[in-house]
Amino acid sequence: MDESKKVITYCGSGIAATGLAFQLAVLGRSDVAIYDGSLTEWAADPALPLEVD
């Protein structure tokens, strides 16, 4: 992982992303962002690819 780049965690509603961001902060990363509701936003656009099974 390139530690010079900002980390953005994401998931459907933000709950799992928050846990991951917290763990990264515990490990010393102070530049972590959370994209809250990213999958919900992505899935709302029928033009974007999404596989479900």
C-alpha atoms as a PDB file:
ATOM      1  CA  MET A   1       0.000   0.000   0.000  1.00  0.00           C
ATOM      2  CA  ASP A   2       1.252   3.469  -0.889  1.00  0.00           C
ATOM      3  CA  GLU A   3       1.200   5.261   2.473  1.00  0.00           C
ATOM      4  CA  SER A   4       1.546   8.653   0.780  1.00  0.00           C
ATOM      5  CA  LYS A   5      -2.028   8.360  -0.513  1.00  0.00           C
ATOM      6  CA  LYS A   6      -5.172   9.097   1.490  1.00  0.00           C
ATOM      7  CA  VAL A   7      -7.305   6.080   2.413  1.00  0.00           C
ATOM      8  CA  ILE A   8     -11.065   6.195   1.784  1.00  0.00           C
ATOM      9  CA  THR A   9     -13.138   3.399   3.312  1.00  0.00           C
ATOM     10  CA  TYR A  10     -16.578   2.596   1.922  1.00  0.00           C
ATOM     11  CA  CYS A  11     -19.513   0.220   2.260  1.00  0.00           C
ATOM     12  CA  GLY A  12     -23.272   0.248   1.789  1.00  0.00           C
ATOM     13  CA  SER A  13     -24.276   2.410   4.719  1.00  0.00           C
ATOM     14  CA  GLY A  14     -21.038   3.426   6.423  1.00  0.00           C
ATOM     15  CA  ILE A  15     -21.112   1.028   9.377  1.00  0.00           C
ATOM     16  CA  ALA A  16     -18.397  -1.370   8.161  1.00  0.00           C
ATOM     17  CA  ALA A  17     -16.391   1.526   6.719  1.00  0.00           C
ATOM     18  CA  THR A  18     -16.371   3.207  10.130  1.00  0.00           C
ATOM     19  CA  GLY A  19     -14.941   0.102  11.794  1.00  0.00           C
ATOM     20  CA  LEU A  20     -12.196  -0.162   9.203  1.00  0.00           C
ATOM     21  CA  ALA A  21     -11.369   3.550   9.493  1.00  0.00           C
ATOM     22  CA  PHE A  22     -11.139   3.182  13.269  1.00  0.00           C
ATOM     23  CA  GLN A  23      -8.746   0.252  12.986  1.00  0.00           C
ATOM     24  CA  LEU A  24      -6.565   2.186  10.544  1.00  0.00           C
ATOM     25  CA  ALA A  25      -6.496   5.105  13.005  1.00  0.00           C
ATOM     26  CA  VAL A  26      -5.445   2.733  15.787  1.00  0.00           C
ATOM     27  CA  LEU A  27      -2.630   1.578  13.508  1.00  0.00           C
ATOM     28  CA  GLY A  28      -1.469   5.173  13.095  1.00  0.00           C
ATOM     29  CA  ARG A  29      -3.172   6.392   9.905  1.00  0.00           C
ATOM     30  CA  SER A  30      -4.521   9.901  10.487  1.00  0.00           C
ATOM     31  CA  ASP A  31      -5.575  10.578   6.883  1.00  0.00           C
ATOM     32  CA  VAL A  32      -8.537   8.187   6.620  1.00  0.00           C
ATOM     33  CA  ALA A  33     -11.897   9.307   5.215  1.00  0.00           C
ATOM     34  CA  ILE A  34     -15.256   7.506   5.174  1.00  0.00           C
ATOM     35  CA  TYR A  35     -17.470   7.584   2.079  1.00  0.00           C
ATOM     36  CA  ASP A  36     -20.776   7.123   3.889  1.00  0.00           C
ATOM     37  CA  GLY A  37     -23.472   5.411   1.830  1.00  0.00           C
ATOM     38  CA  SER A  38     -21.272   4.890  -1.204  1.00  0.00           C
ATOM     39  CA  LEU A  39     -22.756   1.568  -2.315  1.00  0.00           C
ATOM     40  CA  THR A  40     -26.282   2.902  -1.839  1.00  0.00           C
ATOM     41  CA  GLU A  41     -25.399   5.869  -4.051  1.00  0.00           C
ATOM     42  CA  TRP A  42     -23.727   3.639  -6.663  1.00  0.00           C
ATOM     43  CA  ALA A  43     -26.628   1.156  -6.793  1.00  0.00           C
ATOM     44  CA  ALA A  44     -29.168   3.954  -7.317  1.00  0.00           C
ATOM     45  CA  ASP A  45     -27.720   4.651 -10.783  1.00  0.00           C
ATOM     46  CA  PRO A  46     -28.811   1.878 -13.210  1.00  0.00           C
ATOM     47  CA  ALA A  47     -26.079   2.906 -15.652  1.00  0.00           C
ATOM     48  CA  LEU A  48     -23.334   1.777 -13.239  1.00  0.00           C
ATOM     49  CA  PRO A  49     -22.221  -1.871 -13.106  1.00  0.00           C
ATOM     50  CA  LEU A  50     -23.269  -3.960 -10.117  1.00  0.00           C
ATOM     51  CA  GLU A  51     -23.246  -7.728  -9.742  1.00  0.00           C
ATOM     52  CA  VAL A  52     -25.517  -9.382  -7.220  1.00  0.00           C
ATOM     53  CA  ASP A  53     -25.921 -13.070  -6.581  1.00  0.00           C
END
